[in-house]
C-alpha atoms as a PDB file:
ATOM      1  CA  UNK A   1       0.030  -0.054  -0.010  1.00  0.00           C
ATOM      2  CA  UNK A   2       1.316   3.456  -0.902  1.00  0.00           C
ATOM      3  CA  UNK A   3       1.954   5.888   1.947  1.00  0.00           C
ATOM      4  CA  UNK A   4      -0.564   8.312   0.334  1.00  0.00           C
ATOM      5  CA  UNK A   5      -3.432   6.056   1.556  1.00  0.00           C
ATOM      6  CA  UNK A   6      -2.697   6.852   5.151  1.00  0.00           C
ATOM      7  CA  UNK A   7      -2.207  10.661   4.911  1.00  0.00           C
ATOM      8  CA  UNK A   8      -4.681  12.568   7.171  1.00  0.00           C
ATOM      9  CA  UNK A   9      -7.020  15.005   5.464  1.00  0.00           C
ATOM     10  CA  UNK A  10      -5.567  18.518   5.670  1.00  0.00           C
ATOM     11  CA  UNK A  11      -9.075  20.156   5.171  1.00  0.00           C
ATOM     12  CA  UNK A  12     -10.625  18.039   7.848  1.00  0.00           C
ATOM     13  CA  UNK A  13      -7.812  18.887  10.270  1.00  0.00           C
ATOM     14  CA  UNK A  14      -8.402  22.694   9.505  1.00  0.00           C
ATOM     15  CA  UNK A  15     -12.122  22.229  10.121  1.00  0.00           C
ATOM     16  CA  UNK A  16     -11.601  20.412  13.515  1.00  0.00           C
ATOM     17  CA  UNK A  17      -9.160  23.023  14.652  1.00  0.00           C
ATOM     18  CA  UNK A  18     -11.500  25.911  13.845  1.00  0.00           C
ATOM     19  CA  UNK A  19     -14.404  24.170  15.547  1.00  0.00           C
ATOM     20  CA  UNK A  20     -12.258  23.561  18.659  1.00  0.00           C
ATOM     21  CA  UNK A  21     -10.478  26.898  18.902  1.00  0.00           C
ATOM     22  CA  UNK A  22     -12.501  29.577  17.221  1.00  0.00           C
ATOM     23  CA  UNK A  23     -15.392  30.273  19.641  1.00  0.00           C
ATOM     24  CA  UNK A  24     -16.812  33.131  17.515  1.00  0.00           C
ATOM     25  CA  UNK A  25     -18.107  30.443  14.983  1.00  0.00           C
ATOM     26  CA  UNK A  26     -19.504  28.293  17.849  1.00  0.00           C
ATOM     27  CA  UNK A  27     -18.789  25.118  15.721  1.00  0.00           C
ATOM     28  CA  UNK A  28     -20.241  26.548  12.589  1.00  0.00           C
ATOM     29  CA  UNK A  29     -17.424  25.457  10.301  1.00  0.00           C
ATOM     30  CA  UNK A  30     -18.065  23.555   7.034  1.00  0.00           C
ATOM     31  CA  UNK A  31     -16.464  22.531   3.805  1.00  0.00           C
ATOM     32  CA  UNK A  32     -16.524  23.450   0.082  1.00  0.00           C
ATOM     33  CA  UNK A  33     -19.854  21.836  -0.698  1.00  0.00           C
ATOM     34  CA  UNK A  34     -21.717  23.956   1.859  1.00  0.00           C
ATOM     35  CA  UNK A  35     -19.944  27.016   0.713  1.00  0.00           C
ATOM     36  CA  UNK A  36     -20.938  26.526  -2.960  1.00  0.00           C
ATOM     37  CA  UNK A  37     -24.508  25.772  -1.941  1.00  0.00           C
ATOM     38  CA  UNK A  38     -24.769  28.945  -0.012  1.00  0.00           C
ATOM     39  CA  UNK A  39     -23.521  31.116  -2.868  1.00  0.00           C
ATOM     40  CA  UNK A  40     -25.696  29.590  -5.544  1.00  0.00           C
ATOM     41  CA  UNK A  41     -28.900  29.157  -3.617  1.00  0.00           C
ATOM     42  CA  UNK A  42     -28.652  32.239  -1.336  1.00  0.00           C
ATOM     43  CA  UNK A  43     -29.600  29.872   1.473  1.00  0.00           C
ATOM     44  CA  UNK A  44     -27.816  30.432   4.658  1.00  0.00           C
ATOM     45  CA  UNK A  45     -28.083  27.085   6.636  1.00  0.00           C
ATOM     46  CA  UNK A  46     -26.005  28.234   9.609  1.00  0.00           C
ATOM     47  CA  UNK A  47     -26.232  31.126  11.981  1.00  0.00           C
ATOM     48  CA  UNK A  48     -23.668  33.866  11.111  1.00  0.00           C
ATOM     49  CA  UNK A  49     -20.704  34.272  11.337  1.00  0.00           C
ATOM     50  CA  UNK A  50     -19.790  30.960   9.923  1.00  0.00           C
ATOM     51  CA  UNK A  51     -16.570  29.579   8.251  1.00  0.00           C
ATOM     52  CA  UNK A  52     -15.852  27.341   5.311  1.00  0.00           C
ATOM     53  CA  UNK A  53     -12.593  25.591   4.713  1.00  0.00           C
ATOM     54  CA  UNK A  54     -11.780  25.507   0.974  1.00  0.00           C
ATOM     55  CA  UNK A  55      -8.960  23.932  -1.194  1.00  0.00           C
ATOM     56  CA  UNK A  56      -7.359  26.721  -3.118  1.00  0.00           C
ATOM     57  CA  UNK A  57      -5.111  24.603  -5.324  1.00  0.00           C
ATOM     58  CA  UNK A  58      -1.470  23.660  -5.175  1.00  0.00           C
ATOM     59  CA  UNK A  59       1.884  23.952  -7.044  1.00  0.00           C
ATOM     60  CA  UNK A  60       5.181  22.167  -6.709  1.00  0.00           C
ATOM     61  CA  UNK A  61       8.904  22.649  -6.855  1.00  0.00           C
ATOM     62  CA  UNK A  62      10.819  20.454  -9.406  1.00  0.00           C
ATOM     63  CA  UNK A  63      12.156  17.011  -8.471  1.00  0.00           C
ATOM     64  CA  UNK A  64      15.998  17.621  -8.021  1.00  0.00           C
ATOM     65  CA  UNK A  65      16.761  14.177  -6.758  1.00  0.00           C
ATOM     66  CA  UNK A  66      18.642  12.282  -9.540  1.00  0.00           C
ATOM     67  CA  UNK A  67      18.536   9.036  -7.611  1.00  0.00           C
ATOM     68  CA  UNK A  68      14.990   8.974  -6.732  1.00  0.00           C
ATOM     69  CA  UNK A  69      11.809  11.077  -6.291  1.00  0.00           C
ATOM     70  CA  UNK A  70      11.612  13.921  -3.593  1.00  0.00           C
ATOM     71  CA  UNK A  71       9.384  16.930  -4.265  1.00  0.00           C
ATOM     72  CA  UNK A  72       7.977  19.768  -2.353  1.00  0.00           C
ATOM     73  CA  UNK A  73       4.254  20.581  -2.829  1.00  0.00           C
ATOM     74  CA  UNK A  74       2.730  23.855  -1.733  1.00  0.00           C
ATOM     75  CA  UNK A  75      -0.887  23.266  -0.814  1.00  0.00           C
ATOM     76  CA  UNK A  76      -3.133  26.338  -0.420  1.00  0.00           C
ATOM     77  CA  UNK A  77      -6.151  26.378   1.930  1.00  0.00           C
ATOM     78  CA  UNK A  78      -8.779  29.128   2.383  1.00  0.00           C
ATOM     79  CA  UNK A  79     -10.912  30.011   5.395  1.00  0.00           C
ATOM     80  CA  UNK A  80     -13.834  31.795   3.945  1.00  0.00           C
ATOM     81  CA  UNK A  81     -16.022  33.612   6.546  1.00  0.00           C
ATOM     82  CA  UNK A  82     -19.597  34.432   6.013  1.00  0.00           C
ATOM     83  CA  UNK A  83     -20.810  37.551   7.915  1.00  0.00           C
ATOM     84  CA  UNK A  84     -24.176  39.018   8.494  1.00  0.00           C
ATOM     85  CA  UNK A  85     -24.623  42.382   6.536  1.00  0.00           C
ATOM     86  CA  UNK A  86     -28.446  42.706   6.886  1.00  0.00           C
ATOM     87  CA  UNK A  87     -28.202  45.545   9.445  1.00  0.00           C
ATOM     88  CA  UNK A  88     -25.694  47.512   7.369  1.00  0.00           C
ATOM     89  CA  UNK A  89     -25.678  46.927   3.720  1.00  0.00           C
ATOM     90  CA  UNK A  90     -22.507  48.915   3.248  1.00  0.00           C
ATOM     91  CA  UNK A  91     -20.633  45.964   5.073  1.00  0.00           C
ATOM     92  CA  UNK A  92     -19.113  48.354   7.555  1.00  0.00           C
ATOM     93  CA  UNK A  93     -20.617  46.660  10.551  1.00  0.00           C
ATOM     94  CA  UNK A  94     -19.524  43.145   9.913  1.00  0.00           C
ATOM     95  CA  UNK A  95     -15.968  44.389   9.126  1.00  0.00           C
ATOM     96  CA  UNK A  96     -15.717  45.496  12.800  1.00  0.00           C
ATOM     97  CA  UNK A  97     -15.317  41.816  13.647  1.00  0.00           C
ATOM     98  CA  UNK A  98     -12.302  41.183  11.422  1.00  0.00           C
ATOM     99  CA  UNK A  99      -9.573  41.527  14.005  1.00  0.00           C
ATOM    100  CA  UNK A 100     -11.428  39.124  16.410  1.00  0.00           C
ATOM    101  CA  UNK A 101     -11.991  36.668  13.681  1.00  0.00           C
ATOM    102  CA  UNK A 102      -8.456  36.845  12.367  1.00  0.00           C
ATOM    103  CA  UNK A 103      -7.040  36.359  15.871  1.00  0.00           C
ATOM    104  CA  UNK A 104      -9.143  33.216  16.360  1.00  0.00           C
ATOM    105  CA  UNK A 105      -8.414  31.781  12.928  1.00  0.00           C
ATOM    106  CA  UNK A 106      -4.722  32.299  13.468  1.00  0.00           C
ATOM    107  CA  UNK A 107      -4.950  30.571  16.928  1.00  0.00           C
ATOM    108  CA  UNK A 108      -6.604  27.597  15.227  1.00  0.00           C
ATOM    109  CA  UNK A 109      -4.536  26.895  12.142  1.00  0.00           C
ATOM    110  CA  UNK A 110      -1.473  29.167  11.945  1.00  0.00           C
ATOM    111  CA  UNK A 111       1.712  27.053  12.351  1.00  0.00           C
ATOM    112  CA  UNK A 112      -0.416  23.894  12.361  1.00  0.00           C
ATOM    113  CA  UNK A 113       1.335  20.601  11.822  1.00  0.00           C
ATOM    114  CA  UNK A 114      -0.626  17.783  10.046  1.00  0.00           C
ATOM    115  CA  UNK A 115       0.297  14.364  11.397  1.00  0.00           C
ATOM    116  CA  UNK A 116       2.311  12.175   9.050  1.00  0.00           C
ATOM    117  CA  UNK A 117       5.893  13.642   9.129  1.00  0.00           C
ATOM    118  CA  UNK A 118       5.444  15.391   5.753  1.00  0.00           C
ATOM    119  CA  UNK A 119       5.977  18.947   6.964  1.00  0.00           C
ATOM    120  CA  UNK A 120       9.379  20.719   7.841  1.00  0.00           C
ATOM    121  CA  UNK A 121       7.398  23.670   9.166  1.00  0.00           C
ATOM    122  CA  UNK A 122       3.789  24.446  10.213  1.00  0.00           C
ATOM    123  CA  UNK A 123       1.202  26.051   7.954  1.00  0.00           C
ATOM    124  CA  UNK A 124       1.760  29.771   7.251  1.00  0.00           C
ATOM    125  CA  UNK A 125      -0.397  32.861   6.312  1.00  0.00           C
ATOM    126  CA  UNK A 126      -0.200  34.064   2.676  1.00  0.00           C
ATOM    127  CA  UNK A 127      -2.808  36.767   2.734  1.00  0.00           C
ATOM    128  CA  UNK A 128      -6.518  37.729   2.956  1.00  0.00           C
ATOM    129  CA  UNK A 129      -8.996  39.129   0.453  1.00  0.00           C
ATOM    130  CA  UNK A 130     -12.552  40.378   0.132  1.00  0.00           C
ATOM    131  CA  UNK A 131     -14.847  37.886  -1.752  1.00  0.00           C
ATOM    132  CA  UNK A 132     -18.298  39.233  -1.982  1.00  0.00           C
ATOM    133  CA  UNK A 133     -20.917  41.558  -0.525  1.00  0.00           C
ATOM    134  CA  UNK A 134     -24.615  41.629  -1.082  1.00  0.00           C
ATOM    135  CA  UNK A 135     -27.637  43.087   0.876  1.00  0.00           C
ATOM    136  CA  UNK A 136     -27.406  40.269   3.446  1.00  0.00           C
ATOM    137  CA  UNK A 137     -24.007  38.873   3.571  1.00  0.00           C
ATOM    138  CA  UNK A 138     -20.256  39.824   3.504  1.00  0.00           C
ATOM    139  CA  UNK A 139     -17.661  37.158   2.428  1.00  0.00           C
ATOM    140  CA  UNK A 140     -14.016  37.453   3.371  1.00  0.00           C
ATOM    141  CA  UNK A 141     -11.213  34.884   2.995  1.00  0.00           C
ATOM    142  CA  UNK A 142      -8.038  34.131   4.976  1.00  0.00           C
ATOM    143  CA  UNK A 143      -5.475  32.129   3.097  1.00  0.00           C
ATOM    144  CA  UNK A 144      -2.778  29.701   4.242  1.00  0.00           C
ATOM    145  CA  UNK A 145      -0.151  27.432   2.740  1.00  0.00           C
ATOM    146  CA  UNK A 146       1.368  24.045   3.618  1.00  0.00           C
ATOM    147  CA  UNK A 147       4.746  22.812   2.353  1.00  0.00           C
ATOM    148  CA  UNK A 148       4.166  19.052   1.869  1.00  0.00           C
ATOM    149  CA  UNK A 149       6.864  16.590   1.038  1.00  0.00           C
ATOM    150  CA  UNK A 150       6.245  13.746  -1.319  1.00  0.00           C
ATOM    151  CA  UNK A 151       8.660  10.983  -2.239  1.00  0.00           C
ATOM    152  CA  UNK A 152       9.100   7.622  -4.059  1.00  0.00           C
ATOM    153  CA  UNK A 153       6.704   5.886  -1.704  1.00  0.00           C
ATOM    154  CA  UNK A 154       3.802   8.048  -2.939  1.00  0.00           C
ATOM    155  CA  UNK A 155       4.094   7.042  -6.562  1.00  0.00           C
ATOM    156  CA  UNK A 156       4.308   3.907  -8.635  1.00  0.00           C
ATOM    157  CA  UNK A 157       6.664   1.270  -7.258  1.00  0.00           C
ATOM    158  CA  UNK A 158       8.684   0.021 -10.217  1.00  0.00           C
ATOM    159  CA  UNK A 159      10.237  -3.457 -10.082  1.00  0.00           C
ATOM    160  CA  UNK A 160      13.796  -2.962  -9.220  1.00  0.00           C
ATOM    161  CA  UNK A 161      16.482  -4.340  -6.806  1.00  0.00           C
ATOM    162  CA  UNK A 162      16.505  -2.127  -3.765  1.00  0.00           C
ATOM    163  CA  UNK A 163      19.950  -0.942  -2.658  1.00  0.00           C
ATOM    164  CA  UNK A 164      19.809   0.045   1.020  1.00  0.00           C
ATOM    165  CA  UNK A 165      23.531   0.748   1.638  1.00  0.00           C
ATOM    166  CA  UNK A 166      26.941   0.037   0.082  1.00  0.00           C
ATOM    167  CA  UNK A 167      29.889   0.304   2.407  1.00  0.00           C
ATOM    168  CA  UNK A 168      33.472  -0.621   1.295  1.00  0.00           C
ATOM    169  CA  UNK A 169      36.484  -0.288   3.599  1.00  0.00           C
ATOM    170  CA  UNK A 170      39.789  -0.388   1.645  1.00  0.00           C
ATOM    171  CA  UNK A 171      43.004   0.412   3.320  1.00  0.00           C
ATOM    172  CA  UNK A 172      46.197   1.020   1.464  1.00  0.00           C
ATOM    173  CA  UNK A 173      44.664   0.621  -1.821  1.00  0.00           C
ATOM    174  CA  UNK A 174      47.045   0.743  -4.836  1.00  0.00           C
ATOM    175  CA  UNK A 175      46.568   3.793  -7.068  1.00  0.00           C
ATOM    176  CA  UNK A 176      49.132   2.785  -9.707  1.00  0.00           C
ATOM    177  CA  UNK A 177      47.607   2.058 -13.174  1.00  0.00           C
ATOM    178  CA  UNK A 178      48.263  -1.610 -14.055  1.00  0.00           C
ATOM    179  CA  UNK A 179      48.038  -2.889 -10.529  1.00  0.00           C
ATOM    180  CA  UNK A 180      45.219  -5.279  -9.291  1.00  0.00           C
ATOM    181  CA  UNK A 181      42.304  -3.314  -8.003  1.00  0.00           C
ATOM    182  CA  UNK A 182      41.883  -3.275  -4.208  1.00  0.00           C
ATOM    183  CA  UNK A 183      38.166  -4.059  -4.487  1.00  0.00           C
ATOM    184  CA  UNK A 184      35.500  -4.730  -7.065  1.00  0.00           C
ATOM    185  CA  UNK A 185      31.920  -3.856  -6.302  1.00  0.00           C
ATOM    186  CA  UNK A 186      29.346  -5.681  -8.467  1.00  0.00           C
ATOM    187  CA  UNK A 187      25.656  -4.414  -8.373  1.00  0.00           C
ATOM    188  CA  UNK A 188      23.354  -6.772 -10.328  1.00  0.00           C
ATOM    189  CA  UNK A 189      20.913  -4.764 -12.381  1.00  0.00           C
ATOM    190  CA  UNK A 190      19.629  -7.407 -14.851  1.00  0.00           C
ATOM    191  CA  UNK A 191      18.102 -10.916 -14.551  1.00  0.00           C
ATOM    192  CA  UNK A 192      20.084 -13.815 -13.247  1.00  0.00           C
ATOM    193  CA  UNK A 193      22.503 -15.381 -14.022  1.00  0.00           C
ATOM    194  CA  UNK A 194      24.480 -12.268 -13.269  1.00  0.00           C
ATOM    195  CA  UNK A 195      27.834 -11.726 -15.034  1.00  0.00           C
ATOM    196  CA  UNK A 196      30.970 -12.455 -13.064  1.00  0.00           C
ATOM    197  CA  UNK A 197      32.931  -9.517 -11.518  1.00  0.00           C
ATOM    198  CA  UNK A 198      35.648  -7.976 -13.628  1.00  0.00           C
ATOM    199  CA  UNK A 199      38.917  -9.714 -13.032  1.00  0.00           C
ATOM    200  CA  UNK A 200      42.421  -8.607 -14.104  1.00  0.00           C
ATOM    201  CA  UNK A 201      44.610  -5.560 -14.174  1.00  0.00           C
ATOM    202  CA  UNK A 202      43.106  -2.060 -13.573  1.00  0.00           C
ATOM    203  CA  UNK A 203      42.499  -0.333 -17.020  1.00  0.00           C
ATOM    204  CA  UNK A 204      45.056   1.935 -18.352  1.00  0.00           C
ATOM    205  CA  UNK A 205      44.521   5.686 -17.672  1.00  0.00           C
ATOM    206  CA  UNK A 206      43.675   7.077 -21.120  1.00  0.00           C
ATOM    207  CA  UNK A 207      45.251  10.392 -20.104  1.00  0.00           C
END
Protein backbone atom coordinates (compact mmCIF):
# COMPACT_ATOMS: atom_id res chain seq x y z
CA UNK A 1 0.00 0.00 0.00
CA UNK A 2 1.33 3.43 -0.87
CA UNK A 3 1.93 5.93 1.93
CA UNK A 4 -0.60 8.30 0.33
CA UNK A 5 -3.43 6.08 1.56
CA UNK A 6 -2.64 6.88 5.20
CA UNK A 7 -2.23 10.65 4.89
CA UNK A 8 -4.67 12.53 7.16
CA UNK A 9 -7.03 15.01 5.53
CA UNK A 10 -5.62 18.53 5.61
CA UNK A 11 -9.05 20.14 5.14
CA UNK A 12 -10.65 17.98 7.84
CA UNK A 13 -7.85 18.91 10.24
CA UNK A 14 -8.40 22.62 9.55
CA UNK A 15 -12.15 22.23 10.15
CA UNK A 16 -11.59 20.38 13.44
CA UNK A 17 -9.12 23.01 14.62
CA UNK A 18 -11.50 25.88 13.87
CA UNK A 19 -14.41 24.17 15.57
CA UNK A 20 -12.31 23.59 18.68
CA UNK A 21 -10.40 26.88 18.88
CA UNK A 22 -12.50 29.63 17.25
CA UNK A 23 -15.43 30.23 19.62
CA UNK A 24 -16.80 33.07 17.48
CA UNK A 25 -18.12 30.44 15.05
CA UNK A 26 -19.58 28.22 17.82
CA UNK A 27 -18.76 25.13 15.77
CA UNK A 28 -20.28 26.53 12.57
CA UNK A 29 -17.44 25.44 10.27
CA UNK A 30 -18.11 23.52 7.06
CA UNK A 31 -16.46 22.53 3.80
CA UNK A 32 -16.51 23.47 0.14
CA UNK A 33 -19.86 21.84 -0.70
CA UNK A 34 -21.76 23.93 1.84
CA UNK A 35 -19.90 27.04 0.69
CA UNK A 36 -20.91 26.55 -2.96
CA UNK A 37 -24.52 25.78 -2.01
CA UNK A 38 -24.73 28.98 -0.01
CA UNK A 39 -23.41 31.08 -2.88
CA UNK A 40 -25.69 29.53 -5.52
CA UNK A 41 -28.92 29.19 -3.60
CA UNK A 42 -28.65 32.22 -1.35
CA UNK A 43 -29.62 29.87 1.43
CA UNK A 44 -27.82 30.36 4.70
CA UNK A 45 -28.02 27.10 6.60
CA UNK A 46 -25.99 28.27 9.60
CA UNK A 47 -26.25 31.17 12.00
CA UNK A 48 -23.68 33.83 11.12
CA UNK A 49 -20.77 34.28 11.37
CA UNK A 50 -19.80 30.94 9.86
CA UNK A 51 -16.60 29.63 8.28
CA UNK A 52 -15.87 27.36 5.33
CA UNK A 53 -12.57 25.57 4.67
CA UNK A 54 -11.74 25.50 0.95
CA UNK A 55 -8.98 23.93 -1.18
CA UNK A 56 -7.36 26.74 -3.19
CA UNK A 57 -5.06 24.65 -5.37
CA UNK A 58 -1.42 23.64 -5.20
CA UNK A 59 1.87 23.93 -7.02
CA UNK A 60 5.18 22.13 -6.71
CA UNK A 61 8.92 22.62 -6.86
CA UNK A 62 10.82 20.47 -9.39
CA UNK A 63 12.20 17.08 -8.44
CA UNK A 64 15.95 17.64 -8.02
CA UNK A 65 16.75 14.15 -6.74
CA UNK A 66 18.62 12.32 -9.50
CA UNK A 67 18.60 9.02 -7.62
CA UNK A 68 14.92 8.97 -6.73
CA UNK A 69 11.89 11.12 -6.23
CA UNK A 70 11.57 13.91 -3.70
CA UNK A 71 9.38 16.93 -4.31
CA UNK A 72 7.96 19.77 -2.25
CA UNK A 73 4.28 20.54 -2.87
CA UNK A 74 2.76 23.86 -1.79
CA UNK A 75 -0.87 23.25 -0.80
CA UNK A 76 -3.11 26.30 -0.34
CA UNK A 77 -6.14 26.39 1.97
CA UNK A 78 -8.71 29.15 2.36
CA UNK A 79 -10.89 29.94 5.37
CA UNK A 80 -13.86 31.83 3.93
CA UNK A 81 -15.99 33.60 6.51
CA UNK A 82 -19.64 34.52 5.98
CA UNK A 83 -20.78 37.58 7.96
CA UNK A 84 -24.22 39.07 8.48
CA UNK A 85 -24.64 42.37 6.58
CA UNK A 86 -28.41 42.76 6.90
CA UNK A 87 -28.18 45.56 9.45
CA UNK A 88 -25.60 47.47 7.42
CA UNK A 89 -25.71 46.95 3.66
CA UNK A 90 -22.48 48.88 3.25
CA UNK A 91 -20.68 46.03 5.02
CA UNK A 92 -19.13 48.35 7.59
CA UNK A 93 -20.67 46.70 10.66
CA UNK A 94 -19.48 43.15 9.93
CA UNK A 95 -15.97 44.35 9.14
CA UNK A 96 -15.68 45.47 12.76
CA UNK A 97 -15.34 41.78 13.61
CA UNK A 98 -12.34 41.21 11.33
CA UNK A 99 -9.63 41.55 13.98
CA UNK A 100 -11.37 39.22 16.40
CA UNK A 101 -12.07 36.66 13.69
CA UNK A 102 -8.53 36.83 12.35
CA UNK A 103 -7.04 36.33 15.82
CA UNK A 104 -9.16 33.21 16.38
CA UNK A 105 -8.41 31.80 12.93
CA UNK A 106 -4.68 32.31 13.53
CA UNK A 107 -4.96 30.62 16.93
CA UNK A 108 -6.61 27.64 15.21
CA UNK A 109 -4.56 26.96 12.08
CA UNK A 110 -1.47 29.17 11.94
CA UNK A 111 1.72 27.07 12.36
CA UNK A 112 -0.43 23.93 12.32
CA UNK A 113 1.37 20.61 11.77
CA UNK A 114 -0.61 17.84 10.08
CA UNK A 115 0.28 14.34 11.40
CA UNK A 116 2.29 12.17 9.05
CA UNK A 117 5.85 13.63 9.15
CA UNK A 118 5.40 15.39 5.80
CA UNK A 119 6.03 18.97 6.94
CA UNK A 120 9.32 20.65 7.83
CA UNK A 121 7.40 23.66 9.20
CA UNK A 122 3.84 24.49 10.14
CA UNK A 123 1.20 26.11 7.97
CA UNK A 124 1.77 29.80 7.26
CA UNK A 125 -0.36 32.81 6.35
CA UNK A 126 -0.23 33.98 2.72
CA UNK A 127 -2.83 36.77 2.69
CA UNK A 128 -6.51 37.64 2.90
CA UNK A 129 -9.03 39.16 0.51
CA UNK A 130 -12.59 40.33 0.09
CA UNK A 131 -14.80 37.84 -1.77
CA UNK A 132 -18.31 39.27 -2.07
CA UNK A 133 -20.91 41.60 -0.57
CA UNK A 134 -24.67 41.65 -1.10
CA UNK A 135 -27.63 43.01 0.85
CA UNK A 136 -27.47 40.24 3.42
CA UNK A 137 -23.96 38.87 3.60
CA UNK A 138 -20.29 39.76 3.46
CA UNK A 139 -17.71 37.17 2.43
CA UNK A 140 -14.03 37.43 3.34
CA UNK A 141 -11.25 34.85 3.07
CA UNK A 142 -8.02 34.18 5.00
CA UNK A 143 -5.49 32.07 3.09
CA UNK A 144 -2.78 29.67 4.26
CA UNK A 145 -0.14 27.42 2.70
CA UNK A 146 1.39 24.09 3.67
CA UNK A 147 4.72 22.79 2.34
CA UNK A 148 4.11 19.07 1.88
CA UNK A 149 6.86 16.56 1.07
CA UNK A 150 6.23 13.71 -1.37
CA UNK A 151 8.71 10.98 -2.30
CA UNK A 152 9.13 7.61 -4.04
CA UNK A 153 6.71 5.85 -1.71
CA UNK A 154 3.83 8.04 -2.90
CA UNK A 155 4.10 7.03 -6.54
CA UNK A 156 4.26 3.92 -8.68
CA UNK A 157 6.62 1.31 -7.26
CA UNK A 158 8.73 -0.01 -10.18
CA UNK A 159 10.22 -3.48 -10.11
CA UNK A 160 13.85 -3.06 -9.12
CA UNK A 161 16.55 -4.33 -6.84
CA UNK A 162 16.50 -2.14 -3.74
CA UNK A 163 19.92 -0.90 -2.69
CA UNK A 164 19.81 -0.01 0.97
CA UNK A 165 23.49 0.70 1.60
CA UNK A 166 26.91 0.06 0.09
CA UNK A 167 29.88 0.26 2.41
CA UNK A 168 33.42 -0.61 1.34
CA UNK A 169 36.45 -0.19 3.59
CA UNK A 170 39.71 -0.38 1.65
CA UNK A 171 43.02 0.36 3.34
CA UNK A 172 46.29 1.02 1.52
CA UNK A 173 44.58 0.62 -1.84
CA UNK A 174 47.02 0.71 -4.80
CA UNK A 175 46.59 3.72 -6.99
CA UNK A 176 49.11 2.87 -9.75
CA UNK A 177 47.65 2.01 -13.18
CA UNK A 178 48.25 -1.68 -14.01
CA UNK A 179 47.96 -2.92 -10.44
CA UNK A 180 45.21 -5.28 -9.35
CA UNK A 181 42.28 -3.25 -7.98
CA UNK A 182 41.90 -3.30 -4.23
CA UNK A 183 38.20 -4.06 -4.47
CA UNK A 184 35.55 -4.76 -7.08
CA UNK A 185 31.92 -3.85 -6.33
CA UNK A 186 29.29 -5.64 -8.42
CA UNK A 187 25.68 -4.42 -8.39
CA UNK A 188 23.39 -6.81 -10.31
CA UNK A 189 20.91 -4.79 -12.37
CA UNK A 190 19.61 -7.42 -14.80
CA UNK A 191 18.11 -10.87 -14.59
CA UNK A 192 20.11 -13.81 -13.23
CA UNK A 193 22.50 -15.35 -13.97
CA UNK A 194 24.51 -12.26 -13.24
CA UNK A 195 27.79 -11.71 -15.10
CA UNK A 196 30.96 -12.45 -13.10
CA UNK A 197 32.91 -9.56 -11.59
CA UNK A 198 35.66 -8.01 -13.61
CA UNK A 199 38.99 -9.74 -13.05
CA UNK A 200 42.36 -8.57 -14.20
CA UNK A 201 44.54 -5.51 -14.15
CA UNK A 202 43.17 -2.04 -13.62
CA UNK A 203 42.48 -0.34 -16.99
CA UNK A 204 45.14 1.97 -18.32
CA UNK A 205 44.52 5.64 -17.69
CA UNK A 206 43.66 7.12 -21.14
CA UNK A 207 45.21 10.38 -20.07
